[in-house]
Structures are given as structure tokens and as C-alpha cells.
Protein backbone atom coordinates (compact mmCIF):
# COMPACT_ATOMS: atom_id res chain seq x y z
CA MET A 1 -19.47 12.20 7.67
CA THR A 2 -18.62 9.85 4.85
CA SER A 3 -17.66 6.36 5.99
CA ALA A 4 -14.60 4.60 4.65
CA SER A 5 -16.76 1.83 3.23
CA GLY A 6 -18.57 4.40 1.09
CA ARG A 7 -15.31 5.28 -0.63
CA ARG A 8 -14.30 1.70 -1.35
CA GLY A 9 -15.10 -0.22 -4.53
CA LEU A 10 -13.99 -0.33 -8.14
CA SER A 11 -13.25 2.91 -9.92
CA LEU A 12 -14.95 3.75 -13.21
CA ARG A 13 -11.69 3.07 -15.04
CA ALA A 14 -11.32 -0.37 -13.43
CA THR A 15 -14.97 -1.21 -14.11
CA LEU A 16 -14.69 -0.28 -17.80
CA LEU A 17 -11.42 -2.17 -18.10
CA ALA A 18 -12.89 -5.30 -16.47
CA ALA A 19 -15.96 -5.18 -18.73
CA PHE A 20 -13.87 -4.73 -21.87
CA ALA A 21 -11.45 -7.50 -20.87
CA TYR A 22 -14.38 -9.85 -20.14
CA VAL A 23 -15.92 -9.25 -23.57
CA LEU A 24 -12.52 -9.57 -25.26
CA VAL A 25 -11.82 -12.89 -23.53
CA LEU A 26 -15.22 -14.23 -24.62
CA VAL A 27 -14.57 -13.21 -28.22
CA ILE A 28 -11.06 -14.73 -28.24
CA VAL A 29 -12.31 -17.99 -26.72
CA ALA A 30 -15.24 -18.13 -29.13
CA LEU A 31 -12.85 -17.70 -32.04
CA GLU A 32 -9.93 -19.83 -30.90
CA VAL A 33 -11.80 -22.94 -29.72
CA PRO A 34 -13.21 -23.82 -33.18
CA LEU A 35 -10.05 -22.50 -34.82
CA GLY A 36 -7.91 -24.76 -32.63
CA SER A 37 -10.10 -27.72 -33.49
CA ASN A 38 -9.74 -26.94 -37.20
CA VAL A 39 -5.97 -26.60 -36.80
CA ALA A 40 -5.79 -30.04 -35.17
CA ARG A 41 -7.77 -31.60 -38.01
CA ARG A 42 -5.70 -29.75 -40.62
CA VAL A 43 -2.39 -30.85 -39.10
CA ASP A 44 -3.60 -34.44 -38.87
CA SER A 45 -4.68 -34.39 -42.53
CA GLU A 46 -1.44 -32.79 -43.65
CA ILE A 47 0.69 -35.35 -41.86
CA LYS A 48 -1.32 -38.24 -43.26
CA ALA A 49 -1.19 -36.78 -46.76
CA ASP A 50 2.56 -36.20 -46.45
CA ALA A 51 3.10 -39.77 -45.22
CA PHE A 52 1.05 -41.15 -48.09
CA ALA A 53 2.92 -39.03 -50.66
CA GLN A 54 6.32 -40.05 -49.27
CA ALA A 55 5.32 -43.72 -49.24
CA GLN A 56 4.17 -43.43 -52.85
CA LEU A 57 7.47 -41.77 -53.78
CA ILE A 58 9.49 -44.53 -52.11
CA ALA A 59 7.38 -47.20 -53.81
CA THR A 60 7.87 -45.56 -57.21
CA THR A 61 11.62 -45.28 -56.64
CA ALA A 62 11.94 -48.88 -55.42
CA ASN A 63 9.94 -50.64 -58.18
CA ASP A 64 13.08 -51.20 -60.29
CA ASP A 65 15.36 -52.08 -57.35
CA LEU A 66 13.44 -54.86 -55.59
CA ASP A 67 16.24 -57.28 -56.51
CA ARG A 68 18.90 -54.98 -55.03
CA PRO A 69 18.41 -54.86 -51.25
CA PRO A 70 21.44 -52.63 -50.58
CA VAL A 71 19.97 -49.93 -52.81
CA LEU A 72 16.60 -50.26 -51.05
CA GLN A 73 18.34 -50.07 -47.68
CA ARG A 74 19.96 -46.77 -48.57
CA LEU A 75 16.62 -45.50 -49.88
CA VAL A 76 14.66 -46.22 -46.70
CA GLU A 77 17.42 -44.98 -44.41
CA GLY A 78 17.49 -41.68 -46.31
CA SER A 79 13.70 -41.27 -46.25
CA ALA A 80 13.05 -42.17 -42.61
CA PRO A 81 14.44 -38.93 -41.04
CA GLN A 82 12.20 -36.81 -43.28
CA LEU A 83 9.13 -38.76 -42.21
CA GLY A 84 10.07 -39.02 -38.58
CA GLY A 85 9.22 -42.72 -38.51
CA ARG A 86 10.18 -46.21 -39.70
CA VAL A 87 10.16 -47.27 -43.37
CA ILE A 88 10.21 -50.90 -44.58
CA VAL A 89 10.05 -52.54 -48.02
CA VAL A 90 8.82 -56.12 -48.51
CA ASP A 91 8.71 -58.34 -51.60
CA ALA A 92 5.67 -59.99 -53.16
CA ASP A 93 5.76 -62.74 -50.51
CA GLY A 94 5.84 -60.28 -47.67
CA ARG A 95 9.49 -60.89 -46.75
CA LEU A 96 11.46 -57.90 -45.49
CA LEU A 97 13.88 -56.49 -48.08
CA ALA A 98 14.92 -53.20 -46.40
CA ASP A 99 14.31 -51.59 -42.98
CA SER A 100 15.26 -48.08 -41.91
CA ALA A 101 15.72 -49.47 -38.39
CA GLY A 102 18.57 -51.67 -39.66
CA PRO A 103 19.11 -54.83 -41.76
CA GLY A 104 18.94 -57.13 -38.77
CA LEU A 105 15.43 -58.37 -39.53
CA GLN A 106 15.95 -58.82 -43.28
CA GLY A 107 14.05 -61.84 -44.62
CA THR A 108 11.42 -61.72 -41.85
CA SER A 109 7.88 -62.29 -43.12
CA TYR A 110 5.38 -59.43 -42.64
CA VAL A 111 2.62 -61.05 -44.65
CA SER A 112 0.53 -61.50 -41.51
CA ARG A 113 0.23 -57.73 -41.05
CA PRO A 114 -3.15 -56.58 -42.40
CA GLU A 115 -1.79 -53.42 -44.00
CA ILE A 116 0.98 -55.39 -45.76
CA GLN A 117 -1.52 -57.91 -47.05
CA THR A 118 -3.76 -55.11 -48.30
CA SER A 119 -0.86 -53.47 -50.14
CA LEU A 120 0.23 -56.78 -51.70
CA ASP A 121 -3.32 -57.04 -53.02
CA GLY A 122 -2.77 -53.73 -54.83
CA GLU A 123 -4.61 -51.43 -52.40
CA THR A 124 -3.36 -48.66 -50.10
CA ALA A 125 -3.91 -48.65 -46.34
CA GLN A 126 -3.62 -45.88 -43.75
CA ASP A 127 -4.85 -45.94 -40.17
CA THR A 128 -3.76 -45.87 -36.53
CA ARG A 129 -3.33 -48.78 -34.19
CA ASP A 130 -1.61 -49.71 -30.96
CA SER A 131 1.82 -51.25 -31.28
CA SER A 132 2.58 -53.88 -28.64
CA SER A 133 6.30 -53.78 -29.43
CA LEU A 134 6.53 -49.98 -29.16
CA ASP A 135 3.85 -49.66 -26.47
CA GLU A 136 2.30 -46.65 -28.18
CA SER A 137 -0.19 -45.72 -30.87
CA ILE A 138 1.22 -45.47 -34.40
CA LEU A 139 0.08 -44.15 -37.75
CA PHE A 140 0.79 -46.62 -40.54
CA THR A 141 0.71 -45.95 -44.28
CA ALA A 142 1.14 -48.88 -46.68
CA VAL A 143 1.26 -48.67 -50.50
CA PRO A 144 1.98 -51.34 -53.12
CA VAL A 145 5.17 -51.37 -55.21
CA ILE A 146 3.90 -51.74 -58.81
CA HIS A 147 6.14 -53.34 -61.37
CA ASN A 148 4.86 -54.19 -64.83
CA ARG A 149 1.37 -53.23 -63.59
CA ARG A 150 1.44 -55.86 -60.88
CA PRO A 151 2.13 -55.46 -57.14
CA GLU A 152 5.59 -56.90 -56.64
CA GLY A 153 6.04 -55.69 -53.09
CA ALA A 154 4.94 -53.04 -50.56
CA VAL A 155 6.25 -50.02 -48.69
CA ARG A 156 5.06 -49.28 -45.17
CA VAL A 157 5.71 -46.12 -43.23
CA THR A 158 4.98 -46.06 -39.47
CA GLN A 159 5.03 -42.89 -37.40
CA GLY A 160 4.39 -42.41 -33.71
CA VAL A 161 1.13 -40.57 -32.98
CA ASP A 162 3.07 -38.49 -30.44
CA THR A 163 4.78 -36.78 -33.37
CA VAL A 164 1.40 -35.77 -34.77
CA GLN A 165 0.15 -34.66 -31.38
CA GLU A 166 3.29 -32.64 -30.71
CA GLU A 167 2.83 -30.70 -33.93
CA VAL A 168 -0.83 -30.14 -33.08
CA ARG A 169 0.16 -28.90 -29.63
CA ASN A 170 2.74 -26.55 -31.11
CA ASP A 171 0.18 -25.07 -33.47
CA VAL A 172 -2.42 -24.74 -30.71
CA LEU A 173 0.13 -23.09 -28.39
CA ALA A 174 1.02 -20.67 -31.16
CA LEU A 175 -2.66 -19.91 -31.57
CA ILE A 176 -3.02 -19.32 -27.82
CA GLY A 177 0.02 -17.05 -27.92
CA VAL A 178 -1.59 -14.97 -30.65
CA GLY A 179 -4.76 -14.76 -28.54
CA LEU A 180 -2.81 -13.60 -25.48
CA VAL A 181 -1.02 -10.94 -27.51
CA ALA A 182 -4.39 -9.77 -28.86
CA LEU A 183 -5.78 -9.72 -25.32
CA LEU A 184 -2.86 -7.67 -23.99
CA LEU A 185 -3.09 -5.21 -26.87
CA GLY A 186 -6.85 -4.95 -26.39
CA VAL A 187 -6.50 -4.41 -22.64
CA GLY A 188 -3.87 -1.75 -23.28
CA VAL A 189 -6.18 0.10 -25.65
CA ALA A 190 -9.04 -0.35 -23.14
CA TRP A 191 -6.86 1.07 -20.35
CA VAL A 192 -6.16 4.22 -22.35
CA LEU A 193 -9.82 4.52 -23.40
CA ALA A 194 -11.10 3.91 -19.86
CA GLY A 195 -8.71 6.57 -18.55
CA PHE A 196 -10.05 9.01 -21.12
CA LEU A 197 -13.65 8.25 -20.12
CA ALA A 198 -12.91 8.37 -16.38
CA ARG A 199 -11.06 11.69 -16.51
CA PRO A 200 -14.16 13.97 -16.75
CA PRO A 201 -16.00 12.54 -13.69
CA ARG A 202 -12.73 12.57 -11.74
CA LYS A 203 -12.22 16.25 -12.54
CA LEU A 204 -15.85 16.93 -11.65
CA ALA A 205 -15.34 15.17 -8.31
CA GLU A 206 -12.26 17.30 -7.62
CA THR A 207 -14.25 20.44 -8.35
CA ALA A 208 -17.08 19.21 -6.10
CA ARG A 209 -14.60 18.65 -3.26
CA ARG A 210 -13.29 22.18 -3.71
CA VAL A 211 -16.83 23.53 -3.51
CA SER A 212 -17.50 21.37 -0.46
CA ALA A 213 -14.35 22.77 1.17
CA GLY A 214 -15.74 26.30 0.71
CA ASP A 215 -14.34 27.42 -2.64
CA LEU A 216 -17.65 28.55 -4.13
CA GLU A 217 -15.86 30.12 -7.09
CA ALA A 218 -14.69 26.70 -8.34
CA ARG A 219 -16.26 25.68 -11.65
CA ALA A 220 -16.08 22.58 -13.83
CA SER A 221 -14.53 22.91 -17.27
CA GLU A 222 -17.27 22.89 -19.93
CA SER A 223 -15.28 21.09 -22.62
CA GLY A 224 -15.18 17.70 -24.29
CA PRO A 225 -18.07 15.64 -25.68
CA ARG A 226 -21.62 16.97 -25.56
CA GLU A 227 -22.66 14.86 -22.56
CA GLU A 228 -19.62 16.01 -20.58
CA ARG A 229 -20.34 19.66 -21.39
CA GLU A 230 -23.98 19.26 -20.34
CA LEU A 231 -22.98 17.67 -17.04
CA ALA A 232 -20.39 20.37 -16.33
CA ALA A 233 -22.87 23.11 -17.19
CA ALA A 234 -25.52 21.63 -14.87
CA PHE A 235 -22.94 21.32 -12.08
CA ASN A 236 -21.79 24.91 -12.54
CA GLU A 237 -25.38 26.13 -12.51
CA MET A 238 -26.01 24.24 -9.27
CA THR A 239 -22.81 25.64 -7.73
CA ALA A 240 -23.78 29.18 -8.70
CA ARG A 241 -27.19 28.76 -7.06
CA LEU A 242 -25.55 27.28 -3.96
CA ALA A 243 -23.16 30.20 -3.73
CA ALA A 244 -26.05 32.66 -4.06
CA SER A 245 -28.01 30.77 -1.40
CA LEU A 246 -25.10 30.77 1.04
CA GLU A 247 -24.45 34.44 0.41
CA ALA A 248 -28.10 35.17 1.14
CA GLN A 249 -27.81 33.10 4.33
CA ARG A 250 -24.73 35.06 5.42
CA GLU A 251 -26.55 38.31 4.82
CA PHE A 252 -29.54 37.06 6.78
CA VAL A 253 -27.35 36.03 9.72
CA ALA A 254 -25.61 39.40 9.73
CA ASN A 255 -28.88 41.32 9.48
CA ALA A 256 -30.74 39.16 11.98
CA SER A 257 -27.89 39.47 14.45
CA HIS A 258 -28.16 43.26 14.43
CA GLN A 259 -31.84 43.79 13.67
CA LEU A 260 -33.45 41.24 16.01
CA ARG A 261 -31.31 41.51 19.13
CA THR A 262 -31.86 45.24 19.54
CA PRO A 263 -35.69 45.15 19.61
CA LEU A 264 -35.68 42.06 21.83
CA THR A 265 -33.38 43.79 24.30
CA GLY A 266 -35.58 46.89 24.22
CA LEU A 267 -38.72 44.82 24.69
CA ARG A 268 -37.21 43.01 27.69
CA LEU A 269 -36.19 46.31 29.30
CA ARG A 270 -39.69 47.73 28.82
CA VAL A 271 -41.30 44.63 30.27
CA GLU A 272 -38.95 44.79 33.27
CA ALA A 273 -39.75 48.44 33.78
CA ALA A 274 -43.47 47.79 33.48
CA ALA A 275 -43.23 44.96 36.00
CA ASP A 276 -41.39 47.19 38.47
CA ALA A 277 -43.90 50.01 37.99
CA SER A 278 -47.02 47.87 38.22
CA ARG A 279 -48.93 47.90 41.46
CA SER A 280 -51.07 44.91 40.59
CA PRO A 281 -49.58 41.57 41.69
CA GLU A 282 -51.42 39.78 38.89
CA VAL A 283 -50.04 42.12 36.23
CA SER A 284 -46.54 41.91 37.67
CA GLU A 285 -46.68 38.12 37.61
CA GLU A 286 -47.75 38.12 33.96
CA LEU A 287 -45.00 40.57 33.08
CA ARG A 288 -42.42 38.39 34.83
CA ALA A 289 -43.70 35.43 32.79
CA ALA A 290 -43.34 37.58 29.66
CA GLU A 291 -39.72 38.29 30.64
CA VAL A 292 -39.06 34.55 30.83
CA GLU A 293 -40.55 34.05 27.37
CA ILE A 294 -38.51 36.95 25.96
CA GLU A 295 -35.37 35.45 27.47
CA ARG A 296 -36.29 32.07 25.95
CA LEU A 297 -36.87 33.69 22.54
CA THR A 298 -33.53 35.48 22.79
CA ARG A 299 -31.75 32.21 23.65
CA LEU A 300 -33.47 30.46 20.72
CA LEU A 301 -32.42 33.26 18.38
CA ASN A 302 -28.82 33.08 19.58
CA ASN A 303 -28.82 29.32 19.08
CA LEU A 304 -30.19 29.58 15.56
CA LEU A 305 -27.62 32.24 14.66
CA ALA A 306 -24.86 30.02 16.08
CA LEU A 307 -26.07 27.13 13.93
CA ALA A 308 -26.20 29.36 10.88
CA ARG A 309 -22.59 30.42 11.48
CA ALA A 310 -21.57 26.79 11.95
CA ASP A 311 -22.85 25.93 8.46
CA GLN A 312 -20.50 28.50 6.95
CA GLU A 313 -16.84 27.97 6.14
CA ALA A 314 -14.65 28.39 9.20
CA PRO A 315 -12.23 31.34 9.12
CA GLU A 316 -8.56 30.86 9.86
CA GLY A 317 -8.25 29.54 13.38
CA ARG A 318 -6.24 31.27 16.09
CA PRO A 319 -4.70 29.70 19.20
CA VAL A 320 -7.29 29.58 21.99
CA ASP A 321 -6.22 28.82 25.57
CA LEU A 322 -8.70 26.25 26.87
CA ASP A 323 -7.87 27.10 30.50
CA GLU A 324 -8.99 30.70 29.95
CA VAL A 325 -12.18 29.55 28.23
CA ILE A 326 -12.96 27.17 31.13
CA ALA A 327 -12.30 29.88 33.71
CA GLY A 328 -14.61 32.33 31.93
CA ALA A 329 -17.39 29.78 31.51
CA ALA A 330 -17.14 28.69 35.16
CA GLU A 331 -17.49 32.31 36.24
CA ARG A 332 -20.59 32.78 34.03
CA TRP A 333 -22.37 29.64 35.23
CA ARG A 334 -21.30 29.40 38.89
CA SER A 335 -24.27 31.38 40.19
CA ARG A 336 -26.71 29.18 38.23
CA ALA A 337 -25.05 26.05 39.66
CA ASP A 338 -25.09 27.47 43.20
CA ALA A 339 -28.79 28.22 42.86
CA ARG A 340 -29.39 24.50 42.17
CA ASP A 341 -27.03 23.43 45.00
CA GLN A 342 -24.51 22.03 42.48
CA ARG A 343 -20.71 22.19 42.62
CA LEU A 344 -18.95 23.50 39.51
CA GLU A 345 -15.41 22.06 39.56
CA ALA A 346 -13.20 23.67 36.90
CA GLU A 347 -9.67 22.40 36.24
CA THR A 348 -7.56 25.16 34.61
CA ARG A 349 -3.99 23.87 34.58
CA SER A 350 -3.80 21.98 31.26
CA GLY A 351 -1.86 24.53 29.20
CA VAL A 352 -3.59 23.27 26.02
CA GLU A 353 -4.29 25.57 23.08
CA VAL A 354 -6.53 24.76 20.11
CA LEU A 355 -7.03 26.34 16.68
CA ALA A 356 -10.51 27.87 16.66
CA ALA A 357 -12.33 31.08 17.60
CA THR A 358 -12.55 32.03 21.29
CA GLU A 359 -16.21 33.02 21.01
CA GLU A 360 -17.25 29.71 19.45
CA VAL A 361 -15.26 27.60 21.94
CA GLY A 362 -17.08 29.58 24.65
CA ILE A 363 -20.44 28.79 23.03
CA ILE A 364 -19.54 25.09 22.94
CA LEU A 365 -18.64 25.05 26.62
CA ASP A 366 -21.68 27.13 27.61
CA ASN A 367 -24.03 24.62 25.99
CA LEU A 368 -22.32 21.65 27.62
CA ILE A 369 -22.38 23.27 31.08
CA GLU A 370 -26.01 24.37 30.67
CA ASN A 371 -26.97 20.80 29.75
CA ALA A 372 -25.08 19.40 32.76
CA ILE A 373 -26.72 21.84 35.17
CA LYS A 374 -30.17 21.16 33.74
CA TYR A 375 -30.00 17.37 34.07
CA SER A 376 -27.86 16.93 37.21
CA PRO A 377 -29.62 16.54 40.58
CA PRO A 378 -29.09 18.96 43.49
CA GLY A 379 -25.97 18.24 45.53
CA SER A 380 -24.10 16.76 42.57
CA ALA A 381 -20.79 17.87 41.07
CA ILE A 382 -20.08 19.02 37.50
CA ALA A 383 -16.44 18.65 36.44
CA ILE A 384 -14.91 20.70 33.60
CA GLU A 385 -11.40 20.01 32.37
CA ALA A 386 -9.16 20.34 29.32
CA GLY A 387 -6.65 17.83 27.99
CA ARG A 388 -4.73 16.55 24.98
CA ALA A 389 -5.45 13.50 22.78
CA GLY A 390 -2.99 13.10 19.92
CA ARG A 391 -3.50 15.94 17.46
CA PHE A 392 -6.48 17.28 19.36
CA GLY A 393 -7.16 19.35 22.40
CA THR A 394 -10.13 18.17 24.46
CA LEU A 395 -12.85 19.83 26.50
CA THR A 396 -14.68 17.45 28.84
CA VAL A 397 -17.76 18.09 30.98
CA CYS A 398 -18.86 15.32 33.35
CA ASP A 399 -22.15 15.36 35.27
CA GLU A 400 -24.05 13.02 37.57
CA GLY A 401 -27.35 13.09 35.69
CA PRO A 402 -29.40 10.21 34.24
CA GLY A 403 -27.10 9.61 31.25
CA LEU A 404 -28.33 8.52 27.83
CA ASP A 405 -30.20 5.53 26.53
CA GLU A 406 -28.32 3.59 23.85
CA SER A 407 -30.92 4.44 21.21
CA GLU A 408 -30.41 8.16 21.86
CA ALA A 409 -26.61 8.17 21.56
CA GLU A 410 -26.59 9.74 18.09
CA ARG A 411 -30.00 11.36 17.94
CA VAL A 412 -29.39 13.79 20.83
CA LEU A 413 -26.79 15.48 18.61
CA GLU A 414 -29.45 16.22 16.00
CA ARG A 415 -31.27 19.53 15.85
CA PHE A 416 -34.44 19.85 17.94
CA TYR A 417 -34.19 16.30 19.34
CA ARG A 418 -34.38 16.44 23.13
CA GLY A 419 -34.37 12.81 24.23
CA GLY A 420 -36.28 11.10 27.03
CA ALA A 421 -34.58 12.97 29.88
CA GLY A 422 -35.16 16.40 28.33
CA ALA A 423 -38.76 15.94 27.21
CA ALA A 424 -40.19 17.14 30.51
CA SER A 425 -37.90 20.19 30.92
CA PRO A 426 -37.92 23.47 28.99
CA GLY A 427 -35.41 23.87 26.17
CA THR A 428 -34.95 24.20 22.43
CA GLY A 429 -33.20 20.93 21.62
CA LEU A 430 -30.39 22.85 19.89
CA GLY A 431 -27.63 22.86 22.51
CA LEU A 432 -25.86 19.61 21.61
CA ALA A 433 -26.51 20.17 17.91
CA ILE A 434 -24.65 23.49 18.20
CA VAL A 435 -21.79 21.78 20.04
CA ARG A 436 -21.39 19.18 17.30
CA ALA A 437 -21.77 21.67 14.43
CA LEU A 438 -19.21 24.12 15.84
CA SER A 439 -16.69 21.41 16.73
CA GLU A 440 -16.92 19.85 13.23
CA ARG A 441 -16.69 23.31 11.69
CA TRP A 442 -13.15 23.52 13.09
CA GLY A 443 -12.19 19.97 12.11
CA GLY A 444 -13.02 18.22 15.39
CA GLY A 445 -16.01 16.32 16.73
CA THR A 446 -18.20 15.50 19.69
CA ARG A 447 -18.60 12.28 21.65
CA LEU A 448 -21.08 11.43 24.42
CA ARG A 449 -20.79 8.39 26.65
CA ASN A 450 -22.22 7.22 29.95
CA ARG A 451 -19.91 7.24 32.93
CA ASP A 452 -19.42 4.22 35.14
CA GLY A 453 -22.09 4.38 37.82
CA ALA A 454 -24.13 7.43 36.84
CA GLY A 455 -23.86 10.52 34.72
CA LEU A 456 -22.75 11.57 31.27
CA GLU A 457 -19.35 12.50 29.90
CA ALA A 458 -19.39 14.96 27.01
CA GLU A 459 -16.09 15.36 25.15
CA VAL A 460 -15.33 17.85 22.41
CA ARG A 461 -12.12 17.63 20.39
CA LEU A 462 -10.62 20.51 18.47
CA PRO A 463 -7.35 20.56 16.50
CA ALA A 464 -4.45 21.45 18.76
CA ALA A 465 -2.44 24.54 17.91
CA GLY A 466 0.60 23.74 15.78
CA GLN A 467 -0.87 20.49 14.34
CA ALA A 468 -1.51 20.05 10.59
CA LEU A 469 -4.70 18.13 9.89
CA PRO A 470 -4.99 17.12 6.20
CA SER A 471 -8.37 15.53 6.85
CA PRO A 472 -9.63 16.69 10.26
CA VAL A 473 -12.90 14.79 10.39
CA ARG A 474 -11.30 11.47 9.44
CA ASP A 475 -8.40 12.04 11.86
CA PHE A 476 -10.89 12.76 14.62
CA ASP A 477 -12.68 9.46 13.98
CA ASP A 478 -9.39 7.55 13.93
CA SER A 479 -8.21 9.12 17.16
CA LEU A 480 -11.25 8.02 19.17
CA PRO A 481 -11.17 4.71 21.01
CA ALA A 482 -13.94 2.19 20.44
CA ALA A 483 -17.23 3.79 21.40
CA ALA A 484 -18.46 2.74 24.80
CA SER A 485 -21.94 1.33 25.16
CA LEU A 486 -24.44 4.09 25.91
CA ARG A 487 -27.22 3.01 28.20
CA ARG A 488 -29.26 4.55 30.95
CA PRO A 489 -27.81 3.43 34.31
């Protein structure tokens, strides 16, 4: 039975998509980090070059108008919006002639400013510094105003660094946007590609489930890329061999059922006749022992044939009245229970019907009752009853035997495992394995648990008549309460 945890986890499509997205993110980051750094440097250089060019243009325009402050004032006020900063013009002594911020400071001396002094010496200056008056970092660009080949004044342009940083941020955000668009497009292409790659194994899994459900004619489509065709061909070859093997098993079961029972029955009758006709007590005793062994061999054969049938696909179930099955089984086993001084208490008023085969439900109950009789002490009671649990009908057999040790809770349902209590008594170790195999064959299951005080409770669940079970084994697991602790009392 496949656990739910075995079905969890990422699908092939999700795994491929995650891997592709991871690689794509690494590539985008590896490209955009240096590219973003280059963009920042480029924007900074462009802004500085533009500021220098504009300052040079203003200085060239103003060299003939240094004696006309109103003209200079109009010039700086018109240039400032384009530069996004403040523009001033000073004369050869460093006194303010024009200011884009307004004429209020006209005549103020700026000769103490290093960049102004540098420009009045005929050199250009461009750098950043902190402005105490503006309380921010600024970019200043100062150029001399040349008249008759001599510096007759200076032009200074100051711009807030925030303006530069904002443009850098805008460019970087645009770059990130391009990266996100590339990532989304790449993930979209990866999703389509991953779906294409995941489709063949998904179809193969669907075909495998059909085969597992009993459709041995199901075959995988041998199309697509070479690897896919090879895998489908190998799967189809395996399925064909499996179908042939199961068909051979069915033929063996059918033949063995007819061919082996008849000679065994004849042999037992001859041994019985020989024992009755023998006049030697020793010979009669040996013949009676031979009868016991023949009966044991017959029981083993029947058990093996029942297991072989359980491994085959179940036919369409028919309603089976559990009360009738219990009544028939009680009648078959009452004499055996009486011989061991045991009480067989059968409750036949449930009115529950299950979807199965009457013969196989009888085999299930026979094995449970035989187990209970074998391991219960003389004078004890064995209770048999039917009931309903959700979508399932239940058959329950309770005894007063030694119960099960916790370590044997699952193993006693395996083939040929007999457990500590059964090691000293004769048997094949197939009874409980047959019970589990036949119950699961019809979409149910088997549960064993110790009773309070002493004894074992064996419960078999089979789908109730009129109930649709899309996944019978899983529904059976979900319908069971938490497993009780199994321990020898």
C-alpha cells in the first residue's frame, strides 16, 4: 500500500521549472549588477559633462555682457531650469552680477569660494561638496568668463546630488524592469518546455496505473524522441511478459484446482479404507497418521490456490449477506469448537451486505474462526459479528487467546509467518495472509488489535453494497481509527 508521503514532493515539471528559473536568475543578476554599475557611472559622467558644457555656453554668451547685469540675469534665469540647479555670474573681483535664485544677493563677494577663485585664475573646477546652507551634497561646475583672452569673471553652476542620484535610480529601475520581463518570459518558455518534457512520463504513469488496475492490454505510445520511444518499448515489453506470466498463473490455478484435488481425495479415501480393513493396530495407527498428513496437504493446497486467486483481478462484486455467511461458518465450525470446549457465539442480525464473492467471504471467515479456535483456551468464548463502518461492512471475530506482541502486529499478516503463539502448534502460516489478500482484493483491508484484558480482535472490512469507492484501499485506511497498541497481555 503506497503511503501518502510517497506521493508528495515536487513534480518533474515543477523541478525543471525551478531549475531553469534558478539559472535564469543567476544569469540576469550576473549581467545586471555590472551593467547597473556602468549605468550609474555613465549617468554621472553625462550629467557632469552636460553641466560643464552648459556652464561653458553661459560663459561664452556672457563675456560681452558683463557690464549689463539685467541681460546676465535673464541669461541665468533661462538656463537654470535646463540644468536643474542654480547659476551665478561674478565679475573679476568675485562680486555677484547675476543669480538665477534672484537678484537679492547682487554685489555679494564670492571670491572666498575655492571654485570661484580657481575660475578667476583662468581654470575650470568641478567637484562635489557638502553645502551648509542647503544641508545637502551638491555638484558644482565653475568656468572662467574670458574677455580679450583674460578672465573677466566666472560662471558657477550648482546642482543637487539628489538630482543625479534620482536619474541613476530611474535608469537602474528601468534595467531591473527589463530583467523582470526577461525572467517572466524565460519562465513562461520554461513552463511550456517543462510541460512538454513531463508529458511522456505522466502518460507512462497513467498506463502503469491501468496495468496495475488489471488492464493488461494497456500499452504506452511508442512515439516522440528516441529516448521516449525506447522507454515506452521497454515498458510495453515488460507489460507483455507480465500479462503472459499472469495468464500462465491463471491456467496453473485452474489446472491445479482440478488435477490435484481429485487424486488427493482418492488417496485419502484409499487410506481410510485401508485403515478400516487393517487388522494390525500398528498399521492402522500409521494409516490414521497418513490421513492427517493428507488432510494437511489438502488444506495447504487450498490455501495456496486461494492466495493465487487473490493475486488476480477481482471480478465484479455481488451483494453478499454477511449474516448468511456468519451462519454458515458457525455451522461448519461449531463441532470443532465443541470438541475443544469452546463457545461459538454468532450474531446474525446486522442486515449488512458487502460487494464481494460469497465463496471468498466464507474463506475469510473460515480462516479467522480457525485461528480463534486454535489459539483460544478451553472454556473460552469466540464471538462473531457483522457491522457497518462508513462505506464498509465489517466482519469481526473476537477470541480470548494470548493476543499479539507489538512486534508481530504486521508480520502475522505476511505469508508463512506464524508468530510466537503459533510456533508450537501445527499450521501453514497462510491463514491471516489469505484474509488480508482477499479483503484487499475487494478494496477492503484487515486489522488486528489486542482486546482489553485478554484476547485478539480481528476485523475485516469490505465495501458495503451500494457504495462507490474511487480508491478503496486509501478509503479503508482513512476510515480506520488510530491503531491501538498491540502487545501481549
